[in-house]
Amino acid sequence: MNGLAVSAGTITRLRTIAEEEGTTPQELAERAIRRFLRYETRRKMQRETDVFRAMHAELRGRYPDQFVAIYRGRLIDHDADQLTLFRRVDERYPNVPVLIKQVLLESEEVYTFRSPRIEDEL
């Protein structure tokens, strides 16, 4: 995809802001697009994580301790080996966010951190 069409008003605003910041309209547009793409990836991964949580009981019964891949709200693959699953998923769905998560007893892993500083204050 070469050359995006951008309205004249947007270009004018980009030029003004770029001049104020000492950069180029191209750089501002690149930054904005990268930020948007990161946001979209996080949003999609959150949606897939929500699906994983909703499906967890079923997944635990069918694929205990295996890794599952969830894309667009549905289970697309599973494997006992995370790397094998990742490679298959990456081949079939390149450059798109796909959740790969291990099906453990609980849907969320719990981490306990001990801090001597905090414990001393108690």
PDB file of N, CA and C in Angstrom:
ATOM      1  N   MET A   1       0.858  -1.168   0.000  1.00  0.00           N
ATOM      2  CA  MET A   1       0.000   0.000   0.000  1.00  0.00           C
ATOM      3  C   MET A   1       0.904   1.230   0.000  1.00  0.00           C
ATOM      4  N   ASN A   2       0.941   1.906  -1.084  1.00  0.00           N
ATOM      5  CA  ASN A   2       1.750   3.124  -1.187  1.00  0.00           C
ATOM      6  C   ASN A   2       0.838   4.330  -1.298  1.00  0.00           C
ATOM      7  N   GLY A   3       1.173   5.350  -0.561  1.00  0.00           N
ATOM      8  CA  GLY A   3       0.435   6.602  -0.653  1.00  0.00           C
ATOM      9  C   GLY A   3      -0.967   6.532  -0.092  1.00  0.00           C
ATOM     10  N   LEU A   4      -1.146   7.103   1.057  1.00  0.00           N
ATOM     11  CA  LEU A   4      -2.475   7.206   1.642  1.00  0.00           C
ATOM     12  C   LEU A   4      -3.062   8.551   1.273  1.00  0.00           C
ATOM     13  N   ALA A   5      -4.327   8.573   1.003  1.00  0.00           N
ATOM     14  CA  ALA A   5      -5.002   9.836   0.719  1.00  0.00           C
ATOM     15  C   ALA A   5      -5.406  10.481   2.040  1.00  0.00           C
ATOM     16  N   VAL A   6      -4.980  11.714   2.238  1.00  0.00           N
ATOM     17  CA  VAL A   6      -5.293  12.448   3.455  1.00  0.00           C
ATOM     18  C   VAL A   6      -5.902  13.780   3.039  1.00  0.00           C
ATOM     19  N   SER A   7      -6.919  14.191   3.773  1.00  0.00           N
ATOM     20  CA  SER A   7      -7.606  15.431   3.412  1.00  0.00           C
ATOM     21  C   SER A   7      -6.678  16.632   3.534  1.00  0.00           C
ATOM     22  N   ALA A   8      -6.996  17.668   2.779  1.00  0.00           N
ATOM     23  CA  ALA A   8      -6.188  18.891   2.792  1.00  0.00           C
ATOM     24  C   ALA A   8      -6.170  19.520   4.184  1.00  0.00           C
ATOM     25  N   GLY A   9      -7.288  19.467   4.872  1.00  0.00           N
ATOM     26  CA  GLY A   9      -7.364  20.029   6.219  1.00  0.00           C
ATOM     27  C   GLY A   9      -6.437  19.304   7.186  1.00  0.00           C
ATOM     28  N   THR A  10      -6.382  17.988   7.070  1.00  0.00           N
ATOM     29  CA  THR A  10      -5.495  17.207   7.926  1.00  0.00           C
ATOM     30  C   THR A  10      -4.037  17.524   7.621  1.00  0.00           C
ATOM     31  N   ILE A  11      -3.703  17.640   6.349  1.00  0.00           N
ATOM     32  CA  ILE A  11      -2.332  17.967   5.961  1.00  0.00           C
ATOM     33  C   ILE A  11      -1.934  19.345   6.493  1.00  0.00           C
ATOM     34  N   THR A  12      -2.842  20.299   6.407  1.00  0.00           N
ATOM     35  CA  THR A  12      -2.552  21.639   6.916  1.00  0.00           C
ATOM     36  C   THR A  12      -2.267  21.594   8.412  1.00  0.00           C
ATOM     37  N   ARG A  13      -3.094  20.873   9.142  1.00  0.00           N
ATOM     38  CA  ARG A  13      -2.891  20.756  10.594  1.00  0.00           C
ATOM     39  C   ARG A  13      -1.582  20.045  10.907  1.00  0.00           C
ATOM     40  N   LEU A  14      -1.266  18.990  10.153  1.00  0.00           N
ATOM     41  CA  LEU A  14      -0.015  18.268  10.358  1.00  0.00           C
ATOM     42  C   LEU A  14       1.187  19.189  10.120  1.00  0.00           C
ATOM     43  N   ARG A  15       1.120  19.977   9.072  1.00  0.00           N
ATOM     44  CA  ARG A  15       2.225  20.892   8.764  1.00  0.00           C
ATOM     45  C   ARG A  15       2.422  21.910   9.881  1.00  0.00           C
ATOM     46  N   THR A  16       1.333  22.428  10.392  1.00  0.00           N
ATOM     47  CA  THR A  16       1.414  23.421  11.468  1.00  0.00           C
ATOM     48  C   THR A  16       2.048  22.812  12.720  1.00  0.00           C
ATOM     49  N   ILE A  17       1.563  21.643  13.112  1.00  0.00           N
ATOM     50  CA  ILE A  17       2.091  20.986  14.310  1.00  0.00           C
ATOM     51  C   ILE A  17       3.539  20.564  14.085  1.00  0.00           C
ATOM     52  N   ALA A  18       3.845  20.048  12.920  1.00  0.00           N
ATOM     53  CA  ALA A  18       5.218  19.627  12.618  1.00  0.00           C
ATOM     54  C   ALA A  18       6.184  20.800  12.719  1.00  0.00           C
ATOM     55  N   GLU A  19       5.753  21.928  12.210  1.00  0.00           N
ATOM     56  CA  GLU A  19       6.601  23.126  12.271  1.00  0.00           C
ATOM     57  C   GLU A  19       6.835  23.532  13.723  1.00  0.00           C
ATOM     58  N   GLU A  20       5.787  23.489  14.540  1.00  0.00           N
ATOM     59  CA  GLU A  20       5.914  23.844  15.956  1.00  0.00           C
ATOM     60  C   GLU A  20       6.848  22.879  16.693  1.00  0.00           C
ATOM     61  N   GLU A  21       6.819  21.604  16.307  1.00  0.00           N
ATOM     62  CA  GLU A  21       7.620  20.591  16.988  1.00  0.00           C
ATOM     63  C   GLU A  21       8.985  20.374  16.341  1.00  0.00           C
ATOM     64  N   GLY A  22       9.238  21.041  15.243  1.00  0.00           N
ATOM     65  CA  GLY A  22      10.523  20.893  14.575  1.00  0.00           C
ATOM     66  C   GLY A  22      10.712  19.537  13.919  1.00  0.00           C
ATOM     67  N   THR A  23       9.656  19.006  13.367  1.00  0.00           N
ATOM     68  CA  THR A  23       9.711  17.715  12.683  1.00  0.00           C
ATOM     69  C   THR A  23       8.983  17.839  11.349  1.00  0.00           C
ATOM     70  N   THR A  24       8.701  16.721  10.727  1.00  0.00           N
ATOM     71  CA  THR A  24       8.011  16.744   9.434  1.00  0.00           C
ATOM     72  C   THR A  24       6.595  16.195   9.583  1.00  0.00           C
ATOM     73  N   PRO A  25       5.707  16.589   8.686  1.00  0.00           N
ATOM     74  CA  PRO A  25       4.355  16.004   8.697  1.00  0.00           C
ATOM     75  C   PRO A  25       4.402  14.478   8.541  1.00  0.00           C
ATOM     76  N   GLN A  26       5.336  14.000   7.720  1.00  0.00           N
ATOM     77  CA  GLN A  26       5.490  12.556   7.520  1.00  0.00           C
ATOM     78  C   GLN A  26       5.793  11.845   8.847  1.00  0.00           C
ATOM     79  N   GLU A  27       6.737  12.404   9.615  1.00  0.00           N
ATOM     80  CA  GLU A  27       7.103  11.798  10.899  1.00  0.00           C
ATOM     81  C   GLU A  27       5.925  11.822  11.866  1.00  0.00           C
ATOM     82  N   LEU A  28       5.199  12.925  11.919  1.00  0.00           N
ATOM     83  CA  LEU A  28       4.020  12.987  12.793  1.00  0.00           C
ATOM     84  C   LEU A  28       2.990  11.940  12.393  1.00  0.00           C
ATOM     85  N   ALA A  29       2.753  11.811  11.099  1.00  0.00           N
ATOM     86  CA  ALA A  29       1.783  10.828  10.611  1.00  0.00           C
ATOM     87  C   ALA A  29       2.243   9.412  10.950  1.00  0.00           C
ATOM     88  N   GLU A  30       3.537   9.129  10.753  1.00  0.00           N
ATOM     89  CA  GLU A  30       4.086   7.811  11.092  1.00  0.00           C
ATOM     90  C   GLU A  30       3.881   7.495  12.568  1.00  0.00           C
ATOM     91  N   ARG A  31       4.200   8.471  13.428  1.00  0.00           N
ATOM     92  CA  ARG A  31       4.025   8.261  14.874  1.00  0.00           C
ATOM     93  C   ARG A  31       2.566   7.986  15.215  1.00  0.00           C
ATOM     94  N   ALA A  32       1.680   8.761  14.630  1.00  0.00           N
ATOM     95  CA  ALA A  32       0.252   8.599  14.917  1.00  0.00           C
ATOM     96  C   ALA A  32      -0.248   7.228  14.448  1.00  0.00           C
ATOM     97  N   ILE A  33       0.185   6.813  13.290  1.00  0.00           N
ATOM     98  CA  ILE A  33      -0.254   5.518  12.761  1.00  0.00           C
ATOM     99  C   ILE A  33       0.308   4.381  13.606  1.00  0.00           C
ATOM    100  N   ARG A  34       1.579   4.460  13.982  1.00  0.00           N
ATOM    101  CA  ARG A  34       2.167   3.416  14.840  1.00  0.00           C
ATOM    102  C   ARG A  34       1.428   3.337  16.174  1.00  0.00           C
ATOM    103  N   ARG A  35       1.108   4.491  16.753  1.00  0.00           N
ATOM    104  CA  ARG A  35       0.371   4.529  18.025  1.00  0.00           C
ATOM    105  C   ARG A  35      -1.008   3.877  17.854  1.00  0.00           C
ATOM    106  N   PHE A  36      -1.681   4.200  16.759  1.00  0.00           N
ATOM    107  CA  PHE A  36      -2.987   3.611  16.486  1.00  0.00           C
ATOM    108  C   PHE A  36      -2.882   2.093  16.324  1.00  0.00           C
ATOM    109  N   LEU A  37      -1.874   1.635  15.608  1.00  0.00           N
ATOM    110  CA  LEU A  37      -1.711   0.199  15.394  1.00  0.00           C
ATOM    111  C   LEU A  37      -1.417  -0.536  16.703  1.00  0.00           C
ATOM    112  N   ARG A  38      -0.613   0.061  17.585  1.00  0.00           N
ATOM    113  CA  ARG A  38      -0.369  -0.545  18.906  1.00  0.00           C
ATOM    114  C   ARG A  38      -1.671  -0.614  19.699  1.00  0.00           C
ATOM    115  N   TYR A  39      -2.449   0.459  19.664  1.00  0.00           N
ATOM    116  CA  TYR A  39      -3.730   0.491  20.367  1.00  0.00           C
ATOM    117  C   TYR A  39      -4.660  -0.612  19.844  1.00  0.00           C
ATOM    118  N   GLU A  40      -4.741  -0.751  18.537  1.00  0.00           N
ATOM    119  CA  GLU A  40      -5.617  -1.760  17.933  1.00  0.00           C
ATOM    120  C   GLU A  40      -5.169  -3.172  18.324  1.00  0.00           C
ATOM    121  N   THR A  41      -3.870  -3.403  18.344  1.00  0.00           N
ATOM    122  CA  THR A  41      -3.361  -4.720  18.739  1.00  0.00           C
ATOM    123  C   THR A  41      -3.744  -5.015  20.179  1.00  0.00           C
ATOM    124  N   ARG A  42      -3.551  -4.052  21.073  1.00  0.00           N
ATOM    125  CA  ARG A  42      -3.925  -4.253  22.479  1.00  0.00           C
ATOM    126  C   ARG A  42      -5.426  -4.509  22.620  1.00  0.00           C
ATOM    127  N   ARG A  43      -6.214  -3.758  21.893  1.00  0.00           N
ATOM    128  CA  ARG A  43      -7.672  -3.921  21.958  1.00  0.00           C
ATOM    129  C   ARG A  43      -8.084  -5.324  21.490  1.00  0.00           C
ATOM    130  N   LYS A  44      -7.493  -5.770  20.392  1.00  0.00           N
ATOM    131  CA  LYS A  44      -7.828  -7.098  19.877  1.00  0.00           C
ATOM    132  C   LYS A  44      -7.357  -8.200  20.813  1.00  0.00           C
ATOM    133  N   MET A  45      -6.177  -8.038  21.378  1.00  0.00           N
ATOM    134  CA  MET A  45      -5.683  -9.049  22.304  1.00  0.00           C
ATOM    135  C   MET A  45      -6.535  -9.098  23.569  1.00  0.00           C
ATOM    136  N   GLN A  46      -7.036  -7.962  24.009  1.00  0.00           N
ATOM    137  CA  GLN A  46      -7.932  -7.954  25.166  1.00  0.00           C
ATOM    138  C   GLN A  46      -9.216  -8.706  24.838  1.00  0.00           C
ATOM    139  N   ARG A  47      -9.729  -8.511  23.637  1.00  0.00           N
ATOM    140  CA  ARG A  47     -10.944  -9.225  23.222  1.00  0.00           C
ATOM    141  C   ARG A  47     -10.683 -10.733  23.200  1.00  0.00           C
ATOM    142  N   GLU A  48      -9.534 -11.143  22.661  1.00  0.00           N
ATOM    143  CA  GLU A  48      -9.212 -12.569  22.622  1.00  0.00           C
ATOM    144  C   GLU A  48      -9.009 -13.130  24.035  1.00  0.00           C
ATOM    145  N   THR A  49      -8.424 -12.334  24.920  1.00  0.00           N
ATOM    146  CA  THR A  49      -8.243 -12.749  26.311  1.00  0.00           C
ATOM    147  C   THR A  49      -9.596 -12.935  26.989  1.00  0.00           C
ATOM    148  N   ASP A  50     -10.534 -12.051  26.713  1.00  0.00           N
ATOM    149  CA  ASP A  50     -11.885 -12.188  27.261  1.00  0.00           C
ATOM    150  C   ASP A  50     -12.543 -13.471  26.758  1.00  0.00           C
ATOM    151  N   VAL A  51     -12.344 -13.794  25.490  1.00  0.00           N
ATOM    152  CA  VAL A  51     -12.888 -15.034  24.926  1.00  0.00           C
ATOM    153  C   VAL A  51     -12.241 -16.232  25.615  1.00  0.00           C
ATOM    154  N   PHE A  52     -10.918 -16.176  25.806  1.00  0.00           N
ATOM    155  CA  PHE A  52     -10.215 -17.261  26.493  1.00  0.00           C
ATOM    156  C   PHE A  52     -10.819 -17.492  27.871  1.00  0.00           C
ATOM    157  N   ARG A  53     -11.045 -16.419  28.609  1.00  0.00           N
ATOM    158  CA  ARG A  53     -11.634 -16.552  29.951  1.00  0.00           C
ATOM    159  C   ARG A  53     -13.016 -17.189  29.883  1.00  0.00           C
ATOM    160  N   ALA A  54     -13.821 -16.743  28.922  1.00  0.00           N
ATOM    161  CA  ALA A  54     -15.182 -17.280  28.793  1.00  0.00           C
ATOM    162  C   ALA A  54     -15.162 -18.758  28.401  1.00  0.00           C
ATOM    163  N   MET A  55     -14.184 -19.176  27.625  1.00  0.00           N
ATOM    164  CA  MET A  55     -14.090 -20.556  27.149  1.00  0.00           C
ATOM    165  C   MET A  55     -13.254 -21.440  28.083  1.00  0.00           C
ATOM    166  N   HIS A  56     -12.695 -20.871  29.130  1.00  0.00           N
ATOM    167  CA  HIS A  56     -11.694 -21.574  29.923  1.00  0.00           C
ATOM    168  C   HIS A  56     -12.156 -22.935  30.429  1.00  0.00           C
ATOM    169  N   ALA A  57     -13.335 -23.034  30.968  1.00  0.00           N
ATOM    170  CA  ALA A  57     -13.809 -24.318  31.518  1.00  0.00           C
ATOM    171  C   ALA A  57     -13.847 -25.386  30.422  1.00  0.00           C
ATOM    172  N   GLU A  58     -14.353 -25.040  29.262  1.00  0.00           N
ATOM    173  CA  GLU A  58     -14.396 -25.984  28.142  1.00  0.00           C
ATOM    174  C   GLU A  58     -12.984 -26.344  27.672  1.00  0.00           C
ATOM    175  N   LEU A  59     -12.134 -25.334  27.553  1.00  0.00           N
ATOM    176  CA  LEU A  59     -10.754 -25.576  27.120  1.00  0.00           C
ATOM    177  C   LEU A  59     -10.018 -26.467  28.119  1.00  0.00           C
ATOM    178  N   ARG A  60     -10.238 -26.223  29.399  1.00  0.00           N
ATOM    179  CA  ARG A  60      -9.584 -27.015  30.442  1.00  0.00           C
ATOM    180  C   ARG A  60      -9.991 -28.480  30.335  1.00  0.00           C
ATOM    181  N   GLY A  61     -11.247 -28.719  29.989  1.00  0.00           N
ATOM    182  CA  GLY A  61     -11.717 -30.102  29.836  1.00  0.00           C
ATOM    183  C   GLY A  61     -11.165 -30.780  28.593  1.00  0.00           C
ATOM    184  N   ARG A  62     -10.968 -30.029  27.528  1.00  0.00           N
ATOM    185  CA  ARG A  62     -10.528 -30.617  26.253  1.00  0.00           C
ATOM    186  C   ARG A  62      -9.020 -30.552  26.027  1.00  0.00           C
ATOM    187  N   TYR A  63      -8.365 -29.490  26.518  1.00  0.00           N
ATOM    188  CA  TYR A  63      -6.948 -29.274  26.217  1.00  0.00           C
ATOM    189  C   TYR A  63      -6.136 -28.921  27.471  1.00  0.00           C
ATOM    190  N   PRO A  64      -6.243 -29.703  28.543  1.00  0.00           N
ATOM    191  CA  PRO A  64      -5.519 -29.329  29.763  1.00  0.00           C
ATOM    192  C   PRO A  64      -4.009 -29.263  29.526  1.00  0.00           C
ATOM    193  N   ASP A  65      -3.404 -28.194  30.018  1.00  0.00           N
ATOM    194  CA  ASP A  65      -1.964 -27.945  29.943  1.00  0.00           C
ATOM    195  C   ASP A  65      -1.445 -27.700  28.526  1.00  0.00           C
ATOM    196  N   GLN A  66      -2.309 -27.747  27.530  1.00  0.00           N
ATOM    197  CA  GLN A  66      -1.881 -27.443  26.168  1.00  0.00           C
ATOM    198  C   GLN A  66      -1.939 -25.939  25.924  1.00  0.00           C
ATOM    199  N   PHE A  67      -1.354 -25.525  24.824  1.00  0.00           N
ATOM    200  CA  PHE A  67      -1.429 -24.139  24.396  1.00  0.00           C
ATOM    201  C   PHE A  67      -2.518 -24.036  23.340  1.00  0.00           C
ATOM    202  N   VAL A  68      -3.318 -22.985  23.437  1.00  0.00           N
ATOM    203  CA  VAL A  68      -4.392 -22.763  22.475  1.00  0.00           C
ATOM    204  C   VAL A  68      -4.172 -21.432  21.775  1.00  0.00           C
ATOM    205  N   ALA A  69      -4.666 -21.351  20.554  1.00  0.00           N
ATOM    206  CA  ALA A  69      -4.591 -20.117  19.778  1.00  0.00           C
ATOM    207  C   ALA A  69      -6.015 -19.640  19.529  1.00  0.00           C
ATOM    208  N   ILE A  70      -6.258 -18.376  19.869  1.00  0.00           N
ATOM    209  CA  ILE A  70      -7.584 -17.799  19.693  1.00  0.00           C
ATOM    210  C   ILE A  70      -7.466 -16.583  18.787  1.00  0.00           C
ATOM    211  N   TYR A  71      -8.309 -16.569  17.757  1.00  0.00           N
ATOM    212  CA  TYR A  71      -8.292 -15.488  16.764  1.00  0.00           C
ATOM    213  C   TYR A  71      -9.722 -15.159  16.369  1.00  0.00           C
ATOM    214  N   ARG A  72     -10.025 -13.879  16.405  1.00  0.00           N
ATOM    215  CA  ARG A  72     -11.373 -13.404  16.070  1.00  0.00           C
ATOM    216  C   ARG A  72     -12.458 -14.127  16.859  1.00  0.00           C
ATOM    217  N   GLY A  73     -12.156 -14.352  18.131  1.00  0.00           N
ATOM    218  CA  GLY A  73     -13.158 -14.895  19.030  1.00  0.00           C
ATOM    219  C   GLY A  73     -13.389 -16.387  18.954  1.00  0.00           C
ATOM    220  N   ARG A  74     -12.494 -17.110  18.278  1.00  0.00           N
ATOM    221  CA  ARG A  74     -12.692 -18.558  18.228  1.00  0.00           C
ATOM    222  C   ARG A  74     -11.357 -19.292  18.311  1.00  0.00           C
ATOM    223  N   LEU A  75     -11.420 -20.517  18.796  1.00  0.00           N
ATOM    224  CA  LEU A  75     -10.249 -21.377  18.888  1.00  0.00           C
ATOM    225  C   LEU A  75      -9.855 -21.788  17.481  1.00  0.00           C
ATOM    226  N   ILE A  76      -8.606 -21.530  17.102  1.00  0.00           N
ATOM    227  CA  ILE A  76      -8.176 -21.890  15.748  1.00  0.00           C
ATOM    228  C   ILE A  76      -7.160 -23.039  15.735  1.00  0.00           C
ATOM    229  N   ASP A  77      -6.515 -23.315  16.876  1.00  0.00           N
ATOM    230  CA  ASP A  77      -5.517 -24.378  16.899  1.00  0.00           C
ATOM    231  C   ASP A  77      -5.100 -24.635  18.342  1.00  0.00           C
ATOM    232  N   HIS A  78      -4.412 -25.758  18.561  1.00  0.00           N
ATOM    233  CA  HIS A  78      -3.885 -26.086  19.887  1.00  0.00           C
ATOM    234  C   HIS A  78      -2.722 -27.035  19.718  1.00  0.00           C
ATOM    235  N   ASP A  79      -1.848 -27.074  20.715  1.00  0.00           N
ATOM    236  CA  ASP A  79      -0.693 -27.972  20.676  1.00  0.00           C
ATOM    237  C   ASP A  79      -0.088 -28.031  22.071  1.00  0.00           C
ATOM    238  N   ALA A  80       0.562 -29.128  22.385  1.00  0.00           N
ATOM    239  CA  ALA A  80       1.256 -29.246  23.663  1.00  0.00           C
ATOM    240  C   ALA A  80       2.533 -28.417  23.669  1.00  0.00           C
ATOM    241  N   ASP A  81       3.084 -28.143  22.484  1.00  0.00           N
ATOM    242  CA  ASP A  81       4.318 -27.381  22.367  1.00  0.00           C
ATOM    243  C   ASP A  81       4.019 -25.962  21.878  1.00  0.00           C
ATOM    244  N   GLN A  82       4.384 -24.983  22.698  1.00  0.00           N
ATOM    245  CA  GLN A  82       4.078 -23.585  22.379  1.00  0.00           C
ATOM    246  C   GLN A  82       4.760 -23.123  21.092  1.00  0.00           C
ATOM    247  N   LEU A  83       6.011 -23.467  20.904  1.00  0.00           N
ATOM    248  CA  LEU A  83       6.741 -23.020  19.725  1.00  0.00           C
ATOM    249  C   LEU A  83       6.172 -23.629  18.448  1.00  0.00           C
ATOM    250  N   THR A  84       5.820 -24.893  18.495  1.00  0.00           N
ATOM    251  CA  THR A  84       5.209 -25.550  17.334  1.00  0.00           C
ATOM    252  C   THR A  84       3.904 -24.856  16.967  1.00  0.00           C
ATOM    253  N   LEU A  85       3.094 -24.572  17.978  1.00  0.00           N
ATOM    254  CA  LEU A  85       1.832 -23.877  17.743  1.00  0.00           C
ATOM    255  C   LEU A  85       2.083 -22.490  17.178  1.00  0.00           C
ATOM    256  N   PHE A  86       3.026 -21.762  17.764  1.00  0.00           N
ATOM    257  CA  PHE A  86       3.337 -20.418  17.285  1.00  0.00           C
ATOM    258  C   PHE A  86       3.723 -20.439  15.810  1.00  0.00           C
ATOM    259  N   ARG A  87       4.570 -21.372  15.431  1.00  0.00           N
ATOM    260  CA  ARG A  87       5.012 -21.436  14.029  1.00  0.00           C
ATOM    261  C   ARG A  87       3.856 -21.717  13.084  1.00  0.00           C
ATOM    262  N   ARG A  88       2.975 -22.632  13.453  1.00  0.00           N
ATOM    263  CA  ARG A  88       1.815 -22.933  12.603  1.00  0.00           C
ATOM    264  C   ARG A  88       0.909 -21.712  12.471  1.00  0.00           C
ATOM    265  N   VAL A  89       0.646 -21.073  13.601  1.00  0.00           N
ATOM    266  CA  VAL A  89      -0.242 -19.906  13.602  1.00  0.00           C
ATOM    267  C   VAL A  89       0.381 -18.770  12.795  1.00  0.00           C
ATOM    268  N   ASP A  90       1.673 -18.539  12.998  1.00  0.00           N
ATOM    269  CA  ASP A  90       2.352 -17.465  12.282  1.00  0.00           C
ATOM    270  C   ASP A  90       2.348 -17.702  10.778  1.00  0.00           C
ATOM    271  N   GLU A  91       2.432 -18.943  10.369  1.00  0.00           N
ATOM    272  CA  GLU A  91       2.393 -19.265   8.938  1.00  0.00           C
ATOM    273  C   GLU A  91       1.008 -19.008   8.348  1.00  0.00           C
ATOM    274  N   ARG A  92      -0.023 -19.367   9.095  1.00  0.00           N
ATOM    275  CA  ARG A  92      -1.395 -19.211   8.595  1.00  0.00           C
ATOM    276  C   ARG A  92      -1.945 -17.802   8.777  1.00  0.00           C
ATOM    277  N   TYR A  93      -1.479 -17.091   9.814  1.00  0.00           N
ATOM    278  CA  TYR A  93      -2.003 -15.756  10.132  1.00  0.00           C
ATOM    279  C   TYR A  93      -0.834 -14.782  10.347  1.00  0.00           C
ATOM    280  N   PRO A  94      -0.070 -14.497   9.308  1.00  0.00           N
ATOM    281  CA  PRO A  94       1.083 -13.602   9.492  1.00  0.00           C
ATOM    282  C   PRO A  94       0.647 -12.159   9.760  1.00  0.00           C
ATOM    283  N   ASN A  95       1.406 -11.499  10.619  1.00  0.00           N
ATOM    284  CA  ASN A  95       1.220 -10.063  10.887  1.00  0.00           C
ATOM    285  C   ASN A  95      -0.128  -9.688  11.489  1.00  0.00           C
ATOM    286  N   VAL A  96      -0.777 -10.643  12.162  1.00  0.00           N
ATOM    287  CA  VAL A  96      -2.013 -10.315  12.864  1.00  0.00           C
ATOM    288  C   VAL A  96      -1.903 -10.806  14.307  1.00  0.00           C
ATOM    289  N   PRO A  97      -2.526 -10.105  15.245  1.00  0.00           N
ATOM    290  CA  PRO A  97      -2.462 -10.548  16.640  1.00  0.00           C
ATOM    291  C   PRO A  97      -3.344 -11.770  16.888  1.00  0.00           C
ATOM    292  N   VAL A  98      -2.713 -12.837  17.356  1.00  0.00           N
ATOM    293  CA  VAL A  98      -3.405 -14.067  17.722  1.00  0.00           C
ATOM    294  C   VAL A  98      -2.982 -14.395  19.152  1.00  0.00           C
ATOM    295  N   LEU A  99      -3.939 -14.630  20.011  1.00  0.00           N
ATOM    296  CA  LEU A  99      -3.628 -14.985  21.396  1.00  0.00           C
ATOM    297  C   LEU A  99      -3.211 -16.444  21.462  1.00  0.00           C
ATOM    298  N   ILE A 100      -2.045 -16.693  22.046  1.00  0.00           N
ATOM    299  CA  ILE A 100      -1.595 -18.050  22.325  1.00  0.00           C
ATOM    300  C   ILE A 100      -1.382 -18.117  23.830  1.00  0.00           C
ATOM    301  N   LYS A 101      -2.120 -19.033  24.454  1.00  0.00           N
ATOM    302  CA  LYS A 101      -2.105 -19.083  25.913  1.00  0.00           C
ATOM    303  C   LYS A 101      -2.217 -20.535  26.357  1.00  0.00           C
ATOM    304  N   GLN A 102      -1.539 -20.843  27.442  1.00  0.00           N
ATOM    305  CA  GLN A 102      -1.614 -22.191  27.993  1.00  0.00           C
ATOM    306  C   GLN A 102      -2.869 -22.338  28.834  1.00  0.00           C
ATOM    307  N   VAL A 103      -3.502 -23.493  28.699  1.00  0.00           N
ATOM    308  CA  VAL A 103      -4.715 -23.785  29.465  1.00  0.00           C
ATOM    309  C   VAL A 103      -4.294 -24.421  30.784  1.00  0.00           C
ATOM    310  N   LEU A 104      -4.287 -23.618  31.814  1.00  0.00           N
ATOM    311  CA  LEU A 104      -3.926 -24.078  33.153  1.00  0.00           C
ATOM    312  C   LEU A 104      -5.184 -24.309  33.978  1.00  0.00           C
ATOM    313  N   LEU A 105      -5.002 -24.737  35.206  1.00  0.00           N
ATOM    314  CA  LEU A 105      -6.146 -24.999  36.077  1.00  0.00           C
ATOM    315  C   LEU A 105      -7.009 -23.745  36.234  1.00  0.00           C
ATOM    316  N   GLU A 106      -6.354 -22.610  36.442  1.00  0.00           N
ATOM    317  CA  GLU A 106      -7.063 -21.333  36.558  1.00  0.00           C
ATOM    318  C   GLU A 106      -6.895 -20.548  35.264  1.00  0.00           C
ATOM    319  N   SER A 107      -7.871 -19.719  34.921  1.00  0.00           N
ATOM    320  CA  SER A 107      -7.786 -18.950  33.677  1.00  0.00           C
ATOM    321  C   SER A 107      -6.755 -17.838  33.757  1.00  0.00           C
ATOM    322  N   GLU A 108      -6.435 -17.406  34.972  1.00  0.00           N
ATOM    323  CA  GLU A 108      -5.444 -16.343  35.179  1.00  0.00           C
ATOM    324  C   GLU A 108      -4.308 -16.874  36.029  1.00  0.00           C
ATOM    325  N   GLU A 109      -3.098 -16.587  35.620  1.00  0.00           N
ATOM    326  CA  GLU A 109      -1.953 -16.954  36.441  1.00  0.00           C
ATOM    327  C   GLU A 109      -1.839 -15.945  37.573  1.00  0.00           C
ATOM    328  N   VAL A 110      -1.512 -16.430  38.759  1.00  0.00           N
ATOM    329  CA  VAL A 110      -1.368 -15.568  39.921  1.00  0.00           C
ATOM    330  C   VAL A 110       0.103 -15.539  40.302  1.00  0.00           C
ATOM    331  N   TYR A 111       0.631 -14.344  40.437  1.00  0.00           N
ATOM    332  CA  TYR A 111       2.027 -14.172  40.831  1.00  0.00           C
ATOM    333  C   TYR A 111       2.069 -13.520  42.199  1.00  0.00           C
ATOM    334  N   THR A 112       2.961 -14.000  43.043  1.00  0.00           N
ATOM    335  CA  THR A 112       3.149 -13.413  44.363  1.00  0.00           C
ATOM    336  C   THR A 112       4.546 -12.824  44.414  1.00  0.00           C
ATOM    337  N   PHE A 113       4.625 -11.546  44.726  1.00  0.00           N
ATOM    338  CA  PHE A 113       5.900 -10.868  44.856  1.00  0.00           C
ATOM    339  C   PHE A 113       6.100 -10.499  46.316  1.00  0.00           C
ATOM    340  N   ARG A 114       7.230 -10.819  46.820  1.00  0.00           N
ATOM    341  CA  ARG A 114       7.552 -10.464  48.197  1.00  0.00           C
ATOM    342  C   ARG A 114       8.521  -9.291  48.159  1.00  0.00           C
ATOM    343  N   SER A 115       8.239  -8.315  48.975  1.00  0.00           N
ATOM    344  CA  SER A 115       9.094  -7.141  49.055  1.00  0.00           C
ATOM    345  C   SER A 115       9.531  -6.948  50.499  1.00  0.00           C
ATOM    346  N   PRO A 116      10.810  -7.069  50.764  1.00  0.00           N
ATOM    347  CA  PRO A 116      11.268  -6.865  52.154  1.00  0.00           C
ATOM    348  C   PRO A 116      10.893  -5.481  52.671  1.00  0.00           C
ATOM    349  N   ARG A 117      10.935  -4.490  51.792  1.00  0.00           N
ATOM    350  CA  ARG A 117      10.605  -3.116  52.205  1.00  0.00           C
ATOM    351  C   ARG A 117       9.156  -3.035  52.667  1.00  0.00           C
ATOM    352  N   ILE A 118       8.243  -3.615  51.933  1.00  0.00           N
ATOM    353  CA  ILE A 118       6.823  -3.556  52.288  1.00  0.00           C
ATOM    354  C   ILE A 118       6.575  -4.387  53.543  1.00  0.00           C
ATOM    355  N   GLU A 119       7.163  -5.586  53.621  1.00  0.00           N
ATOM    356  CA  GLU A 119       6.945  -6.429  54.795  1.00  0.00           C
ATOM    357  C   GLU A 119       7.496  -5.759  56.051  1.00  0.00           C
ATOM    358  N   ASP A 120       8.626  -5.049  55.937  1.00  0.00           N
ATOM    359  CA  ASP A 120       9.185  -4.351  57.090  1.00  0.00           C
ATOM    360  C   ASP A 120       8.244  -3.253  57.576  1.00  0.00           C
ATOM    361  N   GLU A 121       7.494  -2.651  56.662  1.00  0.00           N
ATOM    362  CA  GLU A 121       6.589  -1.546  57.029  1.00  0.00           C
ATOM    363  C   GLU A 121       5.332  -2.063  57.697  1.00  0.00           C
ATOM    364  N   LEU A 122       5.010  -3.340  57.516  1.00  0.00           N
ATOM    365  CA  LEU A 122       3.815  -3.906  58.116  1.00  0.00           C
ATOM    366  C   LEU A 122       4.080  -4.192  59.535  1.00  0.00           C
TER     367      LEU A 122
END
